N, C-alpha and C. Protein backbone atom coordinates (compact mmCIF):
# COMPACT_ATOMS: atom_id res chain seq x y z
N MET A 1 0.63 0.37 -36.96
CA MET A 1 1.05 0.74 -35.51
C MET A 1 -0.66 1.88 -35.07
N ASN A 2 -1.28 0.98 -34.82
CA ASN A 2 -2.10 2.28 -33.93
C ASN A 2 -2.06 2.87 -32.72
N MET A 3 -1.43 4.03 -32.13
CA MET A 3 -0.63 4.63 -31.66
C MET A 3 -1.46 5.06 -30.64
N ILE A 4 -1.59 4.77 -29.23
CA ILE A 4 -2.48 5.50 -27.73
C ILE A 4 -0.98 5.93 -27.46
N VAL A 5 -0.08 5.45 -26.99
CA VAL A 5 0.85 6.38 -26.04
C VAL A 5 2.12 5.99 -26.08
N GLU A 6 3.25 6.80 -26.49
CA GLU A 6 3.96 6.56 -26.07
C GLU A 6 4.95 6.65 -25.12
N THR A 7 5.98 5.83 -24.40
CA THR A 7 6.41 6.43 -23.16
C THR A 7 8.48 5.99 -23.25
N PRO A 8 9.01 6.04 -22.54
CA PRO A 8 9.99 5.97 -22.66
C PRO A 8 10.52 4.79 -23.67
N ARG A 9 9.96 3.39 -23.29
CA ARG A 9 10.51 2.47 -23.33
C ARG A 9 9.74 1.23 -24.40
N LEU A 10 8.41 2.17 -23.90
CA LEU A 10 6.78 1.62 -24.55
C LEU A 10 6.01 2.03 -25.31
N TYR A 11 5.54 1.17 -26.42
CA TYR A 11 4.78 1.71 -27.30
C TYR A 11 3.43 1.44 -27.17
N ILE A 12 2.23 1.77 -26.27
CA ILE A 12 0.69 1.25 -26.41
C ILE A 12 -0.06 1.45 -27.08
N VAL A 13 -0.56 0.46 -27.87
CA VAL A 13 -1.11 0.97 -29.52
C VAL A 13 -2.48 -0.09 -29.14
N LYS A 14 -3.41 0.18 -30.14
CA LYS A 14 -4.55 -0.80 -29.82
C LYS A 14 -4.17 -2.19 -30.36
N ALA A 15 -4.86 -3.36 -30.28
CA ALA A 15 -4.46 -4.71 -30.24
C ALA A 15 -5.04 -5.03 -32.00
N VAL A 16 -4.53 -5.67 -32.34
CA VAL A 16 -5.14 -6.38 -33.39
C VAL A 16 -5.46 -7.75 -33.23
N GLU A 17 -6.08 -8.53 -34.69
CA GLU A 17 -6.74 -9.69 -34.38
C GLU A 17 -5.11 -10.87 -33.84
N ALA A 18 -4.42 -10.10 -34.97
CA ALA A 18 -2.87 -10.83 -34.50
C ALA A 18 -2.95 -11.32 -33.36
N ASP A 19 -2.58 -10.13 -32.72
CA ASP A 19 -2.14 -10.11 -31.23
C ASP A 19 -2.86 -11.15 -30.21
N ILE A 20 -4.14 -11.67 -30.48
CA ILE A 20 -4.98 -12.08 -29.83
C ILE A 20 -4.43 -13.19 -29.19
N ASN A 21 -4.03 -14.45 -29.52
CA ASN A 21 -3.30 -15.27 -29.09
C ASN A 21 -1.91 -15.22 -27.84
N THR A 22 -1.33 -14.41 -28.35
CA THR A 22 -0.52 -13.26 -27.14
C THR A 22 -1.16 -12.58 -26.02
N ILE A 23 -2.14 -12.36 -25.79
CA ILE A 23 -2.97 -11.66 -25.17
C ILE A 23 -3.03 -12.35 -24.21
N ILE A 24 -3.32 -13.51 -24.91
CA ILE A 24 -4.53 -15.27 -23.46
C ILE A 24 -3.22 -15.67 -23.72
N LYS A 25 -2.07 -15.77 -23.81
CA LYS A 25 -1.02 -16.07 -23.20
C LYS A 25 -0.62 -15.39 -22.22
N ILE A 26 -0.58 -14.09 -21.70
CA ILE A 26 -0.43 -12.90 -21.22
C ILE A 26 -1.40 -13.19 -19.83
N GLU A 27 -2.54 -13.78 -20.54
CA GLU A 27 -3.60 -13.55 -19.14
C GLU A 27 -3.26 -15.05 -18.59
N SER A 28 -2.76 -16.62 -18.89
CA SER A 28 -2.37 -17.60 -18.92
C SER A 28 -1.62 -17.66 -18.34
N HIS A 29 -0.48 -16.76 -18.26
CA HIS A 29 0.56 -17.03 -17.62
C HIS A 29 0.70 -17.05 -16.31
N LYS A 30 1.33 -18.25 -15.57
CA LYS A 30 1.75 -18.23 -14.47
C LYS A 30 1.32 -17.41 -13.46
N ASP A 31 2.23 -16.01 -13.37
CA ASP A 31 2.32 -14.75 -12.61
C ASP A 31 0.81 -14.25 -12.66
N ASN A 32 -0.23 -14.75 -13.66
CA ASN A 32 -1.12 -13.47 -13.91
C ASN A 32 -2.19 -14.06 -13.83
N CYS A 33 -3.14 -16.15 -14.07
CA CYS A 33 -3.75 -15.95 -14.17
C CYS A 33 -4.74 -16.20 -12.78
N ASP A 34 -3.58 -16.45 -11.37
CA ASP A 34 -5.01 -15.75 -10.42
C ASP A 34 -5.63 -14.78 -10.48
N PHE A 35 -5.10 -13.48 -11.52
CA PHE A 35 -5.22 -12.38 -11.03
C PHE A 35 -5.91 -11.85 -11.81
N LEU A 36 -6.76 -12.14 -12.97
CA LEU A 36 -7.39 -11.89 -14.62
C LEU A 36 -7.91 -13.24 -14.61
N TRP A 37 -9.36 -12.43 -15.44
CA TRP A 37 -9.99 -12.94 -15.84
C TRP A 37 -9.35 -13.65 -17.31
N ILE A 38 -9.84 -14.87 -18.05
CA ILE A 38 -8.61 -15.15 -19.31
C ILE A 38 -9.78 -15.22 -19.89
N GLY A 39 -9.70 -14.23 -20.98
CA GLY A 39 -10.69 -13.76 -22.17
C GLY A 39 -10.71 -14.73 -23.10
N THR A 40 -11.39 -15.36 -24.00
CA THR A 40 -11.51 -16.18 -24.94
C THR A 40 -10.70 -15.52 -26.37
N TYR A 41 -10.98 -16.04 -27.48
CA TYR A 41 -10.80 -15.39 -28.45
C TYR A 41 -11.93 -14.43 -29.30
N GLU A 42 -12.50 -14.90 -28.98
CA GLU A 42 -14.02 -14.19 -29.83
C GLU A 42 -14.22 -13.36 -28.88
N GLU A 43 -14.24 -13.36 -27.00
CA GLU A 43 -14.35 -12.14 -26.56
C GLU A 43 -13.40 -11.20 -26.93
N HIS A 44 -12.17 -11.35 -27.01
CA HIS A 44 -11.35 -10.03 -27.16
C HIS A 44 -11.54 -9.85 -28.94
N GLN A 45 -12.01 -11.09 -29.38
CA GLN A 45 -11.90 -9.44 -30.87
C GLN A 45 -13.13 -9.17 -31.35
N ALA A 46 -14.13 -9.36 -29.88
CA ALA A 46 -14.96 -8.60 -30.24
C ALA A 46 -14.96 -6.89 -29.64
N GLU A 47 -13.39 -7.04 -28.38
CA GLU A 47 -13.16 -6.05 -27.91
C GLU A 47 -12.70 -4.80 -28.75
N ILE A 48 -12.06 -5.66 -29.71
CA ILE A 48 -11.12 -5.27 -30.66
C ILE A 48 -12.24 -3.86 -31.86
N HIS A 49 -13.18 -4.91 -31.39
CA HIS A 49 -14.30 -4.12 -32.50
C HIS A 49 -15.46 -2.98 -32.17
N ASP A 50 -15.63 -3.65 -30.43
CA ASP A 50 -16.13 -2.21 -29.84
C ASP A 50 -15.71 -0.80 -29.54
N PRO A 51 -16.91 0.34 -29.39
CA PRO A 51 -16.29 1.20 -29.69
C PRO A 51 -16.11 2.01 -28.44
N ASN A 52 -16.66 1.11 -27.71
CA ASN A 52 -16.30 1.04 -25.84
C ASN A 52 -15.63 0.58 -25.11
N HIS A 53 -14.43 0.23 -25.62
CA HIS A 53 -13.74 -1.36 -25.48
C HIS A 53 -12.59 -0.57 -25.56
N ARG A 54 -11.61 -0.86 -25.36
CA ARG A 54 -9.45 -0.34 -25.73
C ARG A 54 -9.16 -1.42 -25.57
N LEU A 55 -8.96 -2.57 -26.23
CA LEU A 55 -7.88 -3.52 -25.81
C LEU A 55 -6.28 -3.17 -26.82
N LEU A 56 -5.27 -2.80 -25.91
CA LEU A 56 -4.53 -2.39 -26.23
C LEU A 56 -2.92 -3.56 -25.56
N VAL A 57 -2.36 -3.06 -26.76
CA VAL A 57 -0.95 -4.13 -26.52
C VAL A 57 -0.25 -3.14 -25.84
N PHE A 58 0.97 -3.44 -25.02
CA PHE A 58 1.83 -3.16 -24.36
C PHE A 58 3.66 -3.62 -25.57
N LYS A 59 3.95 -2.81 -26.59
CA LYS A 59 5.13 -3.51 -26.71
C LYS A 59 7.05 -2.91 -26.50
N THR A 60 7.63 -3.54 -26.44
CA THR A 60 9.30 -2.57 -25.79
C THR A 60 9.67 -1.79 -27.19
N LYS A 61 9.74 -0.57 -27.27
CA LYS A 61 11.15 0.17 -27.66
C LYS A 61 11.61 -1.20 -28.88
N SER A 62 12.60 -0.98 -27.70
CA SER A 62 13.94 -1.83 -28.45
C SER A 62 13.56 -2.97 -29.00
N ASN A 63 12.26 -3.99 -29.15
CA ASN A 63 12.82 -4.99 -29.86
C ASN A 63 10.97 -5.44 -30.62
N ASN A 64 10.32 -4.28 -29.77
CA ASN A 64 8.85 -4.33 -30.42
C ASN A 64 8.42 -5.65 -29.91
N LYS A 65 8.51 -5.94 -29.44
CA LYS A 65 7.77 -7.17 -28.05
C LYS A 65 6.97 -7.14 -27.79
N ILE A 66 6.13 -7.81 -27.90
CA ILE A 66 4.64 -7.46 -26.54
C ILE A 66 4.88 -8.06 -25.69
N ILE A 67 4.83 -7.14 -24.75
CA ILE A 67 5.00 -7.59 -23.19
C ILE A 67 3.93 -7.14 -22.19
N GLY A 68 3.14 -6.71 -22.31
CA GLY A 68 1.62 -7.52 -21.84
C GLY A 68 1.03 -6.21 -22.33
N TYR A 69 -0.40 -6.12 -22.02
CA TYR A 69 -1.08 -5.70 -22.46
C TYR A 69 -2.80 -5.11 -21.20
N ALA A 70 -3.90 -4.09 -21.92
CA ALA A 70 -4.50 -3.84 -21.00
C ALA A 70 -6.86 -4.09 -22.32
N LEU A 71 -7.11 -4.43 -21.19
CA LEU A 71 -8.17 -4.34 -21.44
C LEU A 71 -8.62 -2.84 -20.93
N ILE A 72 -9.73 -2.10 -21.47
CA ILE A 72 -10.55 -0.96 -21.18
C ILE A 72 -11.47 -0.76 -21.74
N ARG A 73 -12.45 -0.39 -20.61
CA ARG A 73 -14.26 -0.41 -20.47
C ARG A 73 -14.23 1.25 -20.41
N LEU A 74 -14.99 2.28 -21.67
CA LEU A 74 -15.10 3.37 -21.87
C LEU A 74 -16.26 3.63 -21.73
N ASP A 75 -17.14 5.09 -20.51
CA ASP A 75 -17.73 5.19 -20.80
C ASP A 75 -17.70 6.40 -20.75
N PHE A 76 -18.28 7.24 -22.24
CA PHE A 76 -18.13 8.27 -22.25
C PHE A 76 -19.60 9.28 -21.58
N LYS A 77 -20.57 8.59 -22.04
CA LYS A 77 -21.85 9.67 -21.09
C LYS A 77 -21.60 10.09 -19.81
N SER A 78 -21.15 9.37 -18.97
CA SER A 78 -19.74 9.48 -17.18
C SER A 78 -19.22 9.28 -17.46
N GLU A 79 -18.09 10.17 -18.28
CA GLU A 79 -16.47 10.30 -18.52
C GLU A 79 -16.08 9.55 -17.42
N ILE A 80 -16.04 7.93 -18.16
CA ILE A 80 -15.40 6.61 -16.90
C ILE A 80 -15.00 6.21 -17.78
N PHE A 81 -13.41 6.09 -17.19
CA PHE A 81 -12.17 4.83 -17.74
C PHE A 81 -12.19 3.47 -16.46
N GLU A 82 -12.46 2.34 -16.86
CA GLU A 82 -12.36 1.10 -16.35
C GLU A 82 -10.85 0.58 -16.80
N LEU A 83 -10.43 0.89 -16.35
CA LEU A 83 -9.66 -1.06 -16.35
C LEU A 83 -9.61 -1.78 -15.51
N ARG A 84 -10.14 -3.17 -16.94
CA ARG A 84 -11.13 -4.01 -16.43
C ARG A 84 -9.68 -4.87 -16.74
N ARG A 85 -8.56 -4.82 -17.39
CA ARG A 85 -7.75 -5.71 -16.87
C ARG A 85 -5.73 -5.07 -16.85
N ILE A 86 -5.06 -5.61 -16.54
CA ILE A 86 -3.79 -4.70 -16.88
C ILE A 86 -3.01 -6.19 -16.59
N ALA A 87 -2.02 -6.24 -17.74
CA ALA A 87 -1.28 -7.68 -17.37
C ALA A 87 -0.04 -7.44 -17.73
N ILE A 88 1.93 -8.23 -17.30
CA ILE A 88 2.80 -7.36 -17.71
C ILE A 88 3.66 -8.45 -17.46
N THR A 89 3.73 -9.35 -18.90
CA THR A 89 5.13 -10.56 -18.44
C THR A 89 6.39 -10.55 -17.70
N GLU A 90 6.96 -9.51 -17.80
CA GLU A 90 8.30 -8.79 -17.96
C GLU A 90 8.41 -8.62 -16.96
N LYS A 91 8.50 -9.16 -15.38
CA LYS A 91 7.99 -8.73 -13.54
C LYS A 91 9.76 -7.98 -13.05
N GLY A 92 8.84 -6.97 -12.86
CA GLY A 92 10.65 -6.27 -12.15
C GLY A 92 11.26 -5.53 -12.23
N LEU A 93 10.97 -4.99 -13.69
CA LEU A 93 11.57 -3.78 -14.28
C LEU A 93 10.83 -2.40 -14.79
N GLY A 94 9.30 -2.69 -13.89
CA GLY A 94 8.87 -1.20 -14.08
C GLY A 94 8.35 -1.15 -15.17
N TYR A 95 7.78 -2.35 -16.04
CA TYR A 95 7.15 -2.02 -16.96
C TYR A 95 5.67 -1.27 -16.61
N GLY A 96 5.00 -1.97 -15.56
CA GLY A 96 3.83 -2.30 -14.99
C GLY A 96 3.17 -0.48 -14.60
N LYS A 97 4.33 -0.14 -13.83
CA LYS A 97 4.04 1.25 -13.14
C LYS A 97 4.21 2.51 -15.04
N GLU A 98 5.26 2.14 -15.36
CA GLU A 98 4.88 2.75 -16.37
C GLU A 98 4.23 2.61 -17.92
N ALA A 99 3.30 1.71 -17.65
CA ALA A 99 2.29 1.95 -18.54
C ALA A 99 1.00 2.19 -17.65
N MET A 100 1.22 1.88 -16.06
CA MET A 100 -0.11 3.06 -15.38
C MET A 100 -0.47 4.39 -16.25
N ILE A 101 1.08 4.98 -15.36
CA ILE A 101 1.21 6.06 -15.37
C ILE A 101 0.43 6.83 -16.87
N ALA A 102 1.25 6.13 -17.87
CA ALA A 102 0.92 5.89 -19.09
C ALA A 102 -0.97 6.77 -20.05
N LEU A 103 -1.62 5.27 -19.36
CA LEU A 103 -2.64 4.89 -19.12
C LEU A 103 -3.41 6.27 -18.59
N LEU A 104 -3.31 6.39 -17.03
CA LEU A 104 -3.70 7.78 -16.62
C LEU A 104 -4.49 9.17 -17.47
N SER A 105 -2.51 9.29 -18.10
CA SER A 105 -2.68 10.27 -18.49
C SER A 105 -3.47 10.01 -20.20
N TYR A 106 -3.59 9.41 -20.20
CA TYR A 106 -4.10 9.04 -22.05
C TYR A 106 -6.33 8.94 -21.02
N ALA A 107 -5.93 8.79 -19.90
CA ALA A 107 -7.53 8.96 -18.85
C ALA A 107 -8.19 10.25 -19.59
N PHE A 108 -7.18 10.87 -18.67
CA PHE A 108 -7.43 12.64 -18.26
C PHE A 108 -7.10 13.67 -18.95
N GLU A 109 -5.47 13.48 -19.62
CA GLU A 109 -5.53 14.33 -20.50
C GLU A 109 -5.55 13.99 -22.16
N ASN A 110 -5.54 13.00 -22.88
CA ASN A 110 -6.58 12.75 -23.82
C ASN A 110 -7.77 12.51 -24.10
N LEU A 111 -8.68 12.07 -23.75
CA LEU A 111 -9.88 11.67 -23.21
C LEU A 111 -10.84 12.49 -22.70
N SER A 112 -9.70 13.17 -21.83
CA SER A 112 -10.73 14.22 -20.70
C SER A 112 -11.72 13.44 -20.14
N LEU A 113 -11.51 12.42 -19.83
CA LEU A 113 -12.99 11.80 -19.01
C LEU A 113 -12.27 12.22 -17.50
N ASN A 114 -13.16 11.77 -16.30
CA ASN A 114 -13.38 12.40 -15.20
C ASN A 114 -13.08 11.49 -14.06
N ARG A 115 -13.01 10.04 -14.78
CA ARG A 115 -12.82 9.16 -13.45
C ARG A 115 -12.05 7.73 -14.51
N PHE A 116 -11.44 7.48 -13.20
CA PHE A 116 -10.27 6.25 -14.01
C PHE A 116 -10.49 5.33 -12.50
N TRP A 117 -10.57 4.26 -13.22
CA TRP A 117 -11.11 3.18 -12.27
C TRP A 117 -11.10 1.25 -11.99
N LEU A 118 -10.63 0.70 -11.30
CA LEU A 118 -9.86 -0.63 -11.24
C LEU A 118 -10.86 -1.29 -10.18
N ASP A 119 -10.29 -2.98 -10.17
CA ASP A 119 -10.58 -3.26 -9.55
C ASP A 119 -9.32 -4.61 -9.22
N VAL A 120 -9.38 -4.93 -7.77
CA VAL A 120 -7.92 -5.14 -8.01
C VAL A 120 -8.59 -6.70 -6.34
N TYR A 121 -7.89 -8.09 -7.16
CA TYR A 121 -8.20 -9.24 -6.15
C TYR A 121 -6.99 -8.91 -4.74
N PRO A 122 -7.31 -8.77 -3.46
CA PRO A 122 -6.56 -9.26 -2.40
C PRO A 122 -5.36 -9.34 -2.00
N ASP A 123 -5.28 -9.99 -2.15
CA ASP A 123 -3.65 -10.88 -2.98
C ASP A 123 -2.98 -10.36 -4.28
N ASN A 124 -3.38 -9.07 -4.90
CA ASN A 124 -2.12 -8.76 -5.62
C ASN A 124 -1.33 -7.85 -4.94
N TYR A 125 -0.69 -8.08 -3.85
CA TYR A 125 -0.41 -7.01 -3.69
C TYR A 125 0.70 -6.26 -3.97
N ILE A 126 1.72 -6.85 -5.57
CA ILE A 126 2.79 -5.84 -6.56
C ILE A 126 1.09 -4.73 -6.65
N GLY A 127 0.16 -5.38 -7.13
CA GLY A 127 -0.79 -4.39 -7.78
C GLY A 127 -1.60 -3.44 -7.23
N ILE A 128 -1.21 -3.76 -5.45
CA ILE A 128 -2.46 -2.98 -4.85
C ILE A 128 -1.01 -1.25 -4.31
N GLN A 129 0.16 -2.28 -4.45
CA GLN A 129 1.71 -1.00 -4.12
C GLN A 129 1.00 -0.30 -4.95
N LEU A 130 1.46 -0.98 -6.21
CA LEU A 130 1.21 -0.28 -6.98
C LEU A 130 0.27 1.36 -7.52
N TYR A 131 -1.05 0.73 -7.32
CA TYR A 131 -1.79 1.56 -7.74
C TYR A 131 -2.35 2.91 -5.97
N GLU A 132 -1.90 2.59 -5.63
CA GLU A 132 -1.79 3.40 -4.06
C GLU A 132 -0.51 4.91 -4.13
N SER A 133 0.61 3.55 -5.37
CA SER A 133 1.89 4.68 -5.47
C SER A 133 1.66 5.54 -6.05
N LEU A 134 0.57 5.32 -6.94
CA LEU A 134 0.09 6.27 -7.93
C LEU A 134 -1.10 7.70 -7.70
N GLY A 135 -1.35 7.26 -6.18
CA GLY A 135 -2.19 8.38 -5.60
C GLY A 135 -3.60 7.70 -6.09
N MET A 136 -3.66 6.77 -6.12
CA MET A 136 -5.66 6.06 -5.67
C MET A 136 -6.08 6.04 -4.66
N HIS A 137 -7.07 6.39 -4.96
CA HIS A 137 -7.96 5.81 -3.94
C HIS A 137 -9.05 4.28 -3.57
N GLN A 138 -8.56 4.43 -2.67
CA GLN A 138 -9.12 2.83 -2.20
C GLN A 138 -11.01 3.41 -1.90
N ASP A 139 -11.91 2.75 -2.89
CA ASP A 139 -13.12 3.51 -2.69
C ASP A 139 -13.94 2.32 -1.24
N GLY A 140 -13.60 0.99 -1.33
CA GLY A 140 -14.09 -0.26 -0.92
C GLY A 140 -13.95 -1.47 -1.48
N VAL A 141 -14.41 -2.01 -0.57
CA VAL A 141 -14.59 -3.90 -1.55
C VAL A 141 -15.85 -4.35 -1.71
N LEU A 142 -15.90 -4.88 -2.42
CA LEU A 142 -17.01 -6.03 -3.48
C LEU A 142 -16.32 -7.73 -2.73
N ARG A 143 -17.34 -7.02 -1.54
CA ARG A 143 -16.86 -8.44 -0.39
C ARG A 143 -17.49 -9.67 -1.65
N GLN A 144 -16.65 -11.03 -1.50
CA GLN A 144 -17.31 -12.55 -1.97
C GLN A 144 -17.82 -12.14 -3.36
N ASN A 145 -17.15 -11.34 -4.29
CA ASN A 145 -17.91 -10.29 -5.12
C ASN A 145 -17.27 -12.00 -6.87
N TYR A 146 -16.03 -12.39 -6.65
CA TYR A 146 -16.25 -13.80 -7.54
C TYR A 146 -15.75 -14.68 -6.95
N LYS A 147 -16.83 -15.68 -8.11
CA LYS A 147 -16.13 -17.40 -7.44
C LYS A 147 -14.72 -17.57 -8.31
N SER A 148 -14.19 -18.01 -7.71
CA SER A 148 -13.16 -18.37 -8.78
C SER A 148 -12.56 -20.31 -7.76
N GLU A 149 -11.45 -20.95 -8.81
CA GLU A 149 -11.13 -22.01 -8.86
C GLU A 149 -10.55 -21.44 -7.04
N ARG A 150 -10.25 -20.52 -6.67
CA ARG A 150 -9.54 -20.15 -5.59
C ARG A 150 -10.44 -20.01 -4.18
N GLY A 151 -12.37 -19.91 -4.74
CA GLY A 151 -13.49 -19.68 -3.69
C GLY A 151 -13.82 -18.63 -4.13
N TYR A 152 -14.58 -17.66 -3.22
CA TYR A 152 -15.23 -16.77 -2.88
C TYR A 152 -13.80 -15.30 -2.76
N LEU A 153 -13.70 -14.79 -3.80
CA LEU A 153 -13.10 -13.61 -4.43
C LEU A 153 -13.95 -12.11 -3.81
N ASP A 154 -13.29 -11.29 -2.84
CA ASP A 154 -13.29 -9.81 -2.96
C ASP A 154 -12.94 -9.26 -4.04
N GLN A 155 -13.27 -8.36 -4.45
CA GLN A 155 -12.51 -7.20 -5.64
C GLN A 155 -11.97 -5.84 -4.62
N ILE A 156 -10.66 -5.22 -4.36
CA ILE A 156 -10.64 -3.47 -3.54
C ILE A 156 -11.05 -3.22 -4.83
N ILE A 157 -12.17 -1.45 -4.73
CA ILE A 157 -12.00 -0.69 -5.93
C ILE A 157 -11.45 0.30 -5.97
N TYR A 158 -10.28 0.44 -6.88
CA TYR A 158 -9.54 1.82 -6.72
C TYR A 158 -9.47 3.04 -7.82
N SER A 159 -9.77 4.36 -7.48
CA SER A 159 -10.55 5.28 -8.59
C SER A 159 -9.24 6.51 -8.22
N MET A 160 -8.86 7.35 -9.24
CA MET A 160 -9.07 8.21 -8.79
C MET A 160 -9.86 9.11 -9.76
N LEU A 161 -9.18 10.44 -9.46
CA LEU A 161 -10.81 11.46 -10.54
C LEU A 161 -9.51 12.78 -10.91
N LYS A 162 -10.07 13.12 -12.02
CA LYS A 162 -9.36 14.54 -13.02
C LYS A 162 -8.84 15.29 -12.15
N SER A 163 -9.90 15.69 -11.67
CA SER A 163 -9.05 16.55 -10.56
C SER A 163 -7.93 16.41 -9.29
N GLU A 164 -7.44 15.43 -8.92
CA GLU A 164 -6.76 14.14 -7.85
C GLU A 164 -5.54 14.11 -9.15
N TYR A 165 -5.79 13.77 -10.26
CA TYR A 165 -4.55 13.28 -11.09
C TYR A 165 -3.86 14.94 -11.59
N TYR A 166 -4.27 15.61 -11.65
CA TYR A 166 -3.52 17.18 -12.09
C TYR A 166 -3.21 17.60 -10.94
N LEU A 167 -3.33 17.47 -9.40
CA LEU A 167 -2.72 18.04 -8.19
C LEU A 167 -1.50 17.14 -8.22
N SER A 168 -1.80 15.86 -8.94
CA SER A 168 -0.14 15.16 -8.64
C SER A 168 0.90 15.37 -9.70
N VAL A 169 0.39 15.86 -11.13
CA VAL A 169 1.22 15.50 -11.94
C VAL A 169 1.95 17.27 -11.96
């Protein structure tokens, strides 16, 4: 197991090719698909092998079941951690918050990066509430930035700087 972070209930590990079909199922899940870009097998395979990406899975400690994943893009030159996707299958149990806290810690404490950012669709109310509860700053809105089956969608940008993180922990 290629451990990235351990939390009280989760192992957050680097994905392997055997995890890709599970990741696609998580992306395609009815509670997640409106809020995520769904990657292909080949795209996820490339992400696993790209040194500027981390494709991670969240496994429960109790039974080693994959209950979520995250896709991260790293810009080491500018010291930026971009959370491109995060999804959890077991909703309402606090796994999303636990994973987000761990990812913030990984970005700032383990990788010593300066900025953590993500984008979220305005109708992802649970995600927005989570990001704001963690002290993330709303930087702005990319208006009608993505065209989907639901129409043109805005993307709200949230971020946290290393200095803000260390004030909050």
